Amino acid sequence: NKGTHCILVIEDNPGDFALVEEFLFEQIEAPVIIQCLTYKEAEATLKSKNVIFDIILLDLSLPDKTGIPLIQDIMAIGFTAPVIVLTGYADLCFGVKSLSLGVSDYLLKDELTALSLYRSIIYNLERKRILLAFEASELRAK
């Protein structure tokens, strides 16, 4: 589905944001992209519930929070939107730890392409759809 997706990009670096935005417009017909520069701004945006996000793209080095505490706090307020980490931090152990905290994917900025970002978004949206359908099915079975 190359239609509309509502995407929260939590990224403070203007160059990185511009590249991600370009990649999203390259692959998605009409993306709705909202940028937050800090954790506090992202927290307020997510808690306001004015917009339901399909996906969250998260940089791990924000001015007011970084690393594992940032992941934990975003996961706690991100509701059901899959969170994809976009980082320059290439540590495999940290990537696995991020996944164990509930992150849907861990992508290195240096290796990112329009297609790899789009593929990750679509795969994670489909995984979420299947999981929600399974959970609904289990509830009906009870």
N, C-alpha and C. Protein backbone atom coordinates (compact mmCIF):
# COMPACT_ATOMS: atom_id res chain seq x y z
N ASN A 1 0.85 -1.18 0.00
CA ASN A 1 0.00 0.00 0.00
C ASN A 1 0.89 1.24 0.00
N LYS A 2 0.87 1.97 -1.08
CA LYS A 2 1.69 3.19 -1.18
C LYS A 2 0.85 4.43 -0.89
N GLY A 3 -0.31 4.25 -0.27
CA GLY A 3 -1.22 5.35 0.00
C GLY A 3 -0.76 6.23 1.14
N THR A 4 -1.67 6.69 1.94
CA THR A 4 -1.37 7.60 3.03
C THR A 4 -0.97 6.84 4.28
N HIS A 5 0.08 7.29 4.90
CA HIS A 5 0.48 6.79 6.21
C HIS A 5 0.81 7.99 7.07
N CYS A 6 0.40 7.96 8.33
CA CYS A 6 0.71 9.03 9.26
C CYS A 6 1.94 8.61 10.06
N ILE A 7 3.00 9.37 9.92
CA ILE A 7 4.29 8.98 10.46
C ILE A 7 4.83 10.06 11.39
N LEU A 8 5.20 9.65 12.60
CA LEU A 8 5.86 10.55 13.54
C LEU A 8 7.36 10.30 13.42
N VAL A 9 8.10 11.34 13.09
CA VAL A 9 9.55 11.25 13.00
C VAL A 9 10.14 12.04 14.18
N ILE A 10 10.76 11.31 15.10
CA ILE A 10 11.38 11.95 16.27
C ILE A 10 12.87 12.05 15.96
N GLU A 11 13.27 13.22 15.50
CA GLU A 11 14.63 13.43 14.99
C GLU A 11 15.00 14.90 15.13
N ASP A 12 16.13 15.17 15.77
CA ASP A 12 16.54 16.56 15.98
C ASP A 12 17.54 17.06 14.94
N ASN A 13 18.14 16.17 14.16
CA ASN A 13 19.13 16.58 13.17
C ASN A 13 18.42 16.97 11.87
N PRO A 14 18.54 18.24 11.44
CA PRO A 14 17.82 18.68 10.23
C PRO A 14 18.20 17.90 8.97
N GLY A 15 19.47 17.56 8.83
CA GLY A 15 19.92 16.81 7.65
C GLY A 15 19.35 15.41 7.62
N ASP A 16 19.35 14.74 8.77
CA ASP A 16 18.79 13.39 8.85
C ASP A 16 17.29 13.41 8.60
N PHE A 17 16.60 14.42 9.17
CA PHE A 17 15.16 14.52 8.95
C PHE A 17 14.86 14.75 7.47
N ALA A 18 15.62 15.64 6.82
CA ALA A 18 15.39 15.94 5.41
C ALA A 18 15.55 14.68 4.56
N LEU A 19 16.54 13.86 4.87
CA LEU A 19 16.77 12.63 4.13
C LEU A 19 15.63 11.64 4.34
N VAL A 20 15.21 11.45 5.58
CA VAL A 20 14.10 10.54 5.88
C VAL A 20 12.84 11.03 5.19
N GLU A 21 12.57 12.32 5.26
CA GLU A 21 11.39 12.89 4.61
C GLU A 21 11.43 12.64 3.10
N GLU A 22 12.59 12.85 2.50
CA GLU A 22 12.74 12.61 1.06
C GLU A 22 12.47 11.14 0.73
N PHE A 23 13.03 10.23 1.53
CA PHE A 23 12.80 8.79 1.32
C PHE A 23 11.32 8.44 1.43
N LEU A 24 10.63 9.03 2.41
CA LEU A 24 9.22 8.73 2.60
C LEU A 24 8.39 9.22 1.40
N PHE A 25 8.67 10.42 0.92
CA PHE A 25 7.93 10.94 -0.23
C PHE A 25 8.26 10.17 -1.51
N GLU A 26 9.43 9.58 -1.56
CA GLU A 26 9.83 8.79 -2.72
C GLU A 26 9.00 7.50 -2.84
N GLN A 27 8.62 6.93 -1.70
CA GLN A 27 7.99 5.61 -1.69
C GLN A 27 6.51 5.61 -1.33
N ILE A 28 6.05 6.64 -0.64
CA ILE A 28 4.66 6.67 -0.16
C ILE A 28 3.94 7.81 -0.88
N GLU A 29 2.76 7.50 -1.40
CA GLU A 29 2.02 8.44 -2.23
C GLU A 29 1.74 9.78 -1.53
N ALA A 30 1.19 9.72 -0.33
CA ALA A 30 0.83 10.96 0.37
C ALA A 30 1.08 10.81 1.87
N PRO A 31 2.35 10.75 2.27
CA PRO A 31 2.61 10.57 3.70
C PRO A 31 2.27 11.83 4.49
N VAL A 32 1.73 11.62 5.67
CA VAL A 32 1.54 12.72 6.62
C VAL A 32 2.68 12.57 7.61
N ILE A 33 3.59 13.54 7.60
CA ILE A 33 4.80 13.44 8.41
C ILE A 33 4.79 14.55 9.45
N ILE A 34 4.92 14.14 10.70
CA ILE A 34 5.02 15.11 11.79
C ILE A 34 6.37 14.90 12.45
N GLN A 35 7.12 15.98 12.62
CA GLN A 35 8.44 15.90 13.23
C GLN A 35 8.41 16.44 14.65
N CYS A 36 9.09 15.73 15.54
CA CYS A 36 9.34 16.22 16.89
C CYS A 36 10.85 16.26 17.08
N LEU A 37 11.35 17.34 17.68
CA LEU A 37 12.79 17.53 17.84
C LEU A 37 13.34 17.01 19.17
N THR A 38 12.44 16.83 20.14
CA THR A 38 12.86 16.41 21.48
C THR A 38 11.93 15.32 22.00
N TYR A 39 12.37 14.65 23.07
CA TYR A 39 11.50 13.67 23.71
C TYR A 39 10.25 14.35 24.27
N LYS A 40 10.43 15.49 24.93
CA LYS A 40 9.28 16.19 25.53
C LYS A 40 8.23 16.54 24.47
N GLU A 41 8.68 16.99 23.32
CA GLU A 41 7.75 17.33 22.23
C GLU A 41 7.04 16.07 21.73
N ALA A 42 7.79 14.97 21.59
CA ALA A 42 7.19 13.71 21.15
C ALA A 42 6.18 13.20 22.17
N GLU A 43 6.53 13.30 23.43
CA GLU A 43 5.63 12.86 24.50
C GLU A 43 4.32 13.64 24.45
N ALA A 44 4.41 14.96 24.32
CA ALA A 44 3.21 15.79 24.25
C ALA A 44 2.37 15.46 23.02
N THR A 45 3.04 15.24 21.89
CA THR A 45 2.34 14.91 20.64
C THR A 45 1.61 13.57 20.77
N LEU A 46 2.29 12.57 21.30
CA LEU A 46 1.67 11.25 21.43
C LEU A 46 0.54 11.24 22.46
N LYS A 47 0.73 11.93 23.57
CA LYS A 47 -0.29 11.94 24.63
C LYS A 47 -1.51 12.78 24.27
N SER A 48 -1.34 13.73 23.34
CA SER A 48 -2.46 14.60 22.96
C SER A 48 -3.56 13.81 22.24
N LYS A 49 -3.17 12.72 21.58
CA LYS A 49 -4.09 11.86 20.82
C LYS A 49 -4.83 12.63 19.73
N ASN A 50 -4.29 13.78 19.30
CA ASN A 50 -4.89 14.52 18.19
C ASN A 50 -4.70 13.79 16.88
N VAL A 51 -3.63 13.01 16.80
CA VAL A 51 -3.30 12.26 15.59
C VAL A 51 -3.00 10.83 16.00
N ILE A 52 -3.51 9.88 15.24
CA ILE A 52 -3.18 8.47 15.43
C ILE A 52 -2.08 8.13 14.43
N PHE A 53 -0.91 7.78 14.94
CA PHE A 53 0.22 7.49 14.06
C PHE A 53 0.23 6.02 13.66
N ASP A 54 0.55 5.79 12.39
CA ASP A 54 0.70 4.43 11.89
C ASP A 54 2.06 3.87 12.29
N ILE A 55 3.05 4.74 12.34
CA ILE A 55 4.43 4.30 12.60
C ILE A 55 5.19 5.44 13.26
N ILE A 56 6.18 5.08 14.09
CA ILE A 56 7.04 6.07 14.73
C ILE A 56 8.47 5.76 14.32
N LEU A 57 9.16 6.76 13.79
CA LEU A 57 10.58 6.64 13.46
C LEU A 57 11.35 7.41 14.53
N LEU A 58 12.25 6.71 15.22
CA LEU A 58 12.89 7.26 16.42
C LEU A 58 14.41 7.31 16.30
N ASP A 59 14.96 8.51 16.42
CA ASP A 59 16.40 8.68 16.56
C ASP A 59 16.75 8.46 18.03
N LEU A 60 17.89 7.86 18.31
CA LEU A 60 18.23 7.52 19.70
C LEU A 60 19.02 8.58 20.43
N SER A 61 19.37 9.67 19.76
CA SER A 61 20.17 10.72 20.40
C SER A 61 19.44 12.05 20.32
N LEU A 62 18.55 12.26 21.26
CA LEU A 62 17.81 13.52 21.31
C LEU A 62 18.44 14.42 22.37
N PRO A 63 18.22 15.72 22.29
CA PRO A 63 18.84 16.64 23.25
C PRO A 63 18.45 16.37 24.71
N ASP A 64 17.22 15.88 24.93
CA ASP A 64 16.74 15.72 26.30
C ASP A 64 16.63 14.27 26.77
N LYS A 65 16.94 13.31 25.90
CA LYS A 65 16.89 11.90 26.32
C LYS A 65 17.56 11.06 25.24
N THR A 66 18.25 9.99 25.66
CA THR A 66 18.95 9.14 24.70
C THR A 66 18.86 7.67 25.09
N GLY A 67 19.19 6.80 24.14
CA GLY A 67 19.40 5.38 24.39
C GLY A 67 18.22 4.63 24.96
N ILE A 68 18.53 3.71 25.87
CA ILE A 68 17.51 2.82 26.43
C ILE A 68 16.41 3.58 27.17
N PRO A 69 16.72 4.59 28.01
CA PRO A 69 15.63 5.33 28.65
C PRO A 69 14.67 5.95 27.63
N LEU A 70 15.21 6.44 26.51
CA LEU A 70 14.37 7.02 25.46
C LEU A 70 13.46 5.95 24.85
N ILE A 71 14.02 4.80 24.53
CA ILE A 71 13.22 3.71 23.97
C ILE A 71 12.11 3.31 24.94
N GLN A 72 12.47 3.11 26.20
CA GLN A 72 11.49 2.68 27.20
C GLN A 72 10.35 3.68 27.33
N ASP A 73 10.68 4.96 27.35
CA ASP A 73 9.64 5.97 27.52
C ASP A 73 8.76 6.11 26.28
N ILE A 74 9.35 6.03 25.09
CA ILE A 74 8.54 6.10 23.87
C ILE A 74 7.65 4.87 23.77
N MET A 75 8.18 3.69 24.10
CA MET A 75 7.37 2.47 24.04
C MET A 75 6.19 2.56 25.02
N ALA A 76 6.41 3.19 26.15
CA ALA A 76 5.35 3.30 27.17
C ALA A 76 4.20 4.19 26.71
N ILE A 77 4.49 5.17 25.84
CA ILE A 77 3.42 6.09 25.40
C ILE A 77 3.08 5.95 23.92
N GLY A 78 3.76 5.06 23.20
CA GLY A 78 3.57 4.95 21.75
C GLY A 78 2.33 4.20 21.34
N PHE A 79 1.57 3.69 22.31
CA PHE A 79 0.35 2.96 22.03
C PHE A 79 0.65 1.77 21.12
N THR A 80 -0.08 1.60 20.04
CA THR A 80 0.13 0.40 19.22
C THR A 80 0.99 0.66 17.99
N ALA A 81 1.43 1.89 17.79
CA ALA A 81 2.23 2.20 16.60
C ALA A 81 3.59 1.51 16.69
N PRO A 82 3.98 0.78 15.65
CA PRO A 82 5.33 0.20 15.65
C PRO A 82 6.37 1.31 15.70
N VAL A 83 7.45 1.06 16.44
CA VAL A 83 8.54 2.01 16.58
C VAL A 83 9.76 1.44 15.85
N ILE A 84 10.25 2.21 14.88
CA ILE A 84 11.45 1.83 14.14
C ILE A 84 12.56 2.80 14.54
N VAL A 85 13.64 2.24 15.08
CA VAL A 85 14.78 3.05 15.47
C VAL A 85 15.64 3.33 14.25
N LEU A 86 16.00 4.60 14.06
CA LEU A 86 16.94 5.02 13.02
C LEU A 86 18.14 5.61 13.75
N THR A 87 19.29 4.98 13.63
CA THR A 87 20.43 5.39 14.43
C THR A 87 21.74 5.28 13.68
N GLY A 88 22.72 5.97 14.18
CA GLY A 88 24.08 5.85 13.67
C GLY A 88 24.88 4.88 14.52
N TYR A 89 24.26 4.34 15.56
CA TYR A 89 24.91 3.47 16.53
C TYR A 89 24.85 2.03 16.05
N ALA A 90 25.97 1.50 15.56
CA ALA A 90 25.99 0.20 14.88
C ALA A 90 26.25 -1.00 15.79
N ASP A 91 26.07 -0.87 17.09
CA ASP A 91 26.34 -1.94 18.03
C ASP A 91 25.24 -3.01 17.96
N LEU A 92 25.61 -4.23 17.56
CA LEU A 92 24.65 -5.32 17.39
C LEU A 92 23.94 -5.66 18.70
N CYS A 93 24.69 -5.71 19.80
CA CYS A 93 24.09 -6.03 21.10
C CYS A 93 23.03 -5.00 21.49
N PHE A 94 23.34 -3.72 21.22
CA PHE A 94 22.38 -2.67 21.53
C PHE A 94 21.14 -2.80 20.65
N GLY A 95 21.34 -3.18 19.38
CA GLY A 95 20.21 -3.40 18.48
C GLY A 95 19.29 -4.50 18.98
N VAL A 96 19.89 -5.60 19.43
CA VAL A 96 19.10 -6.73 19.97
C VAL A 96 18.39 -6.30 21.25
N LYS A 97 19.07 -5.57 22.11
CA LYS A 97 18.46 -5.07 23.34
C LYS A 97 17.25 -4.18 23.01
N SER A 98 17.40 -3.33 21.99
CA SER A 98 16.30 -2.45 21.57
C SER A 98 15.09 -3.26 21.14
N LEU A 99 15.34 -4.32 20.38
CA LEU A 99 14.24 -5.19 19.94
C LEU A 99 13.57 -5.86 21.14
N SER A 100 14.37 -6.24 22.13
CA SER A 100 13.79 -6.88 23.32
C SER A 100 12.93 -5.91 24.13
N LEU A 101 13.15 -4.61 23.94
CA LEU A 101 12.35 -3.59 24.63
C LEU A 101 11.05 -3.27 23.88
N GLY A 102 10.86 -3.90 22.71
CA GLY A 102 9.62 -3.72 21.98
C GLY A 102 9.73 -2.95 20.68
N VAL A 103 10.93 -2.47 20.36
CA VAL A 103 11.13 -1.78 19.09
C VAL A 103 10.88 -2.77 17.95
N SER A 104 10.25 -2.31 16.88
CA SER A 104 9.90 -3.19 15.76
C SER A 104 11.07 -3.45 14.82
N ASP A 105 11.95 -2.45 14.67
CA ASP A 105 13.09 -2.61 13.78
C ASP A 105 14.17 -1.64 14.21
N TYR A 106 15.41 -1.93 13.81
CA TYR A 106 16.58 -1.15 14.19
C TYR A 106 17.38 -0.95 12.92
N LEU A 107 17.32 0.25 12.35
CA LEU A 107 17.97 0.53 11.07
C LEU A 107 19.10 1.53 11.24
N LEU A 108 20.23 1.25 10.59
CA LEU A 108 21.37 2.15 10.64
C LEU A 108 21.20 3.25 9.60
N LYS A 109 21.36 4.49 10.02
CA LYS A 109 21.20 5.63 9.12
C LYS A 109 22.16 5.55 7.94
N ASP A 110 23.39 5.09 8.18
CA ASP A 110 24.39 5.02 7.11
C ASP A 110 24.01 4.02 6.02
N GLU A 111 23.17 3.05 6.35
CA GLU A 111 22.76 2.01 5.39
C GLU A 111 21.36 2.24 4.85
N LEU A 112 20.71 3.30 5.29
CA LEU A 112 19.31 3.54 4.95
C LEU A 112 19.14 3.97 3.50
N THR A 113 18.15 3.38 2.85
CA THR A 113 17.73 3.79 1.50
C THR A 113 16.23 4.01 1.54
N ALA A 114 15.71 4.63 0.51
CA ALA A 114 14.26 4.83 0.43
C ALA A 114 13.54 3.49 0.46
N LEU A 115 14.07 2.51 -0.26
CA LEU A 115 13.43 1.20 -0.31
C LEU A 115 13.53 0.45 1.01
N SER A 116 14.69 0.49 1.67
CA SER A 116 14.83 -0.25 2.94
C SER A 116 13.93 0.36 4.02
N LEU A 117 13.79 1.68 4.03
CA LEU A 117 12.90 2.32 4.99
C LEU A 117 11.45 1.96 4.70
N TYR A 118 11.06 2.05 3.45
CA TYR A 118 9.68 1.71 3.06
C TYR A 118 9.37 0.24 3.39
N ARG A 119 10.30 -0.64 3.06
CA ARG A 119 10.10 -2.07 3.34
C ARG A 119 9.90 -2.30 4.84
N SER A 120 10.72 -1.67 5.66
CA SER A 120 10.58 -1.82 7.11
C SER A 120 9.21 -1.31 7.58
N ILE A 121 8.80 -0.17 7.07
CA ILE A 121 7.49 0.38 7.46
C ILE A 121 6.37 -0.57 7.07
N ILE A 122 6.37 -1.05 5.84
CA ILE A 122 5.30 -1.93 5.37
C ILE A 122 5.31 -3.26 6.12
N TYR A 123 6.47 -3.85 6.31
CA TYR A 123 6.56 -5.12 7.04
C TYR A 123 6.03 -4.96 8.46
N ASN A 124 6.40 -3.86 9.11
CA ASN A 124 5.97 -3.66 10.49
C ASN A 124 4.50 -3.31 10.61
N LEU A 125 3.97 -2.60 9.64
CA LEU A 125 2.52 -2.34 9.64
C LEU A 125 1.74 -3.63 9.43
N GLU A 126 2.23 -4.48 8.54
CA GLU A 126 1.56 -5.76 8.29
C GLU A 126 1.65 -6.66 9.52
N ARG A 127 2.81 -6.70 10.16
CA ARG A 127 2.97 -7.49 11.38
C ARG A 127 1.99 -7.02 12.45
N LYS A 128 1.84 -5.70 12.58
CA LYS A 128 0.90 -5.13 13.55
C LYS A 128 -0.53 -5.54 13.21
N ARG A 129 -0.89 -5.46 11.93
CA ARG A 129 -2.25 -5.83 11.50
C ARG A 129 -2.54 -7.29 11.84
N ILE A 130 -1.60 -8.17 11.56
CA ILE A 130 -1.77 -9.60 11.84
C ILE A 130 -1.88 -9.84 13.34
N LEU A 131 -1.03 -9.19 14.12
CA LEU A 131 -1.06 -9.35 15.58
C LEU A 131 -2.40 -8.87 16.15
N LEU A 132 -2.88 -7.73 15.69
CA LEU A 132 -4.17 -7.22 16.18
C LEU A 132 -5.32 -8.16 15.79
N ALA A 133 -5.27 -8.71 14.59
CA ALA A 133 -6.30 -9.66 14.15
C ALA A 133 -6.25 -10.93 15.01
N PHE A 134 -5.05 -11.39 15.32
CA PHE A 134 -4.89 -12.57 16.16
C PHE A 134 -5.43 -12.31 17.57
N GLU A 135 -5.10 -11.15 18.13
CA GLU A 135 -5.59 -10.80 19.47
C GLU A 135 -7.11 -10.70 19.49
N ALA A 136 -7.70 -10.12 18.45
CA ALA A 136 -9.16 -10.03 18.36
C ALA A 136 -9.78 -11.42 18.27
N SER A 137 -9.15 -12.30 17.52
CA SER A 137 -9.61 -13.67 17.36
C SER A 137 -9.57 -14.41 18.70
N GLU A 138 -8.51 -14.20 19.45
CA GLU A 138 -8.40 -14.84 20.77
C GLU A 138 -9.47 -14.34 21.72
N LEU A 139 -9.77 -13.06 21.67
CA LEU A 139 -10.82 -12.50 22.53
C LEU A 139 -12.18 -13.08 22.19
N ARG A 140 -12.44 -13.26 20.90
CA ARG A 140 -13.72 -13.84 20.48
C ARG A 140 -13.83 -15.30 20.92
N ALA A 141 -12.71 -15.98 20.99
CA ALA A 141 -12.70 -17.41 21.34
C ALA A 141 -12.94 -17.62 22.84
N LYS A 142 -12.71 -16.59 23.64
CA LYS A 142 -12.86 -16.73 25.11
C LYS A 142 -14.28 -16.73 25.53
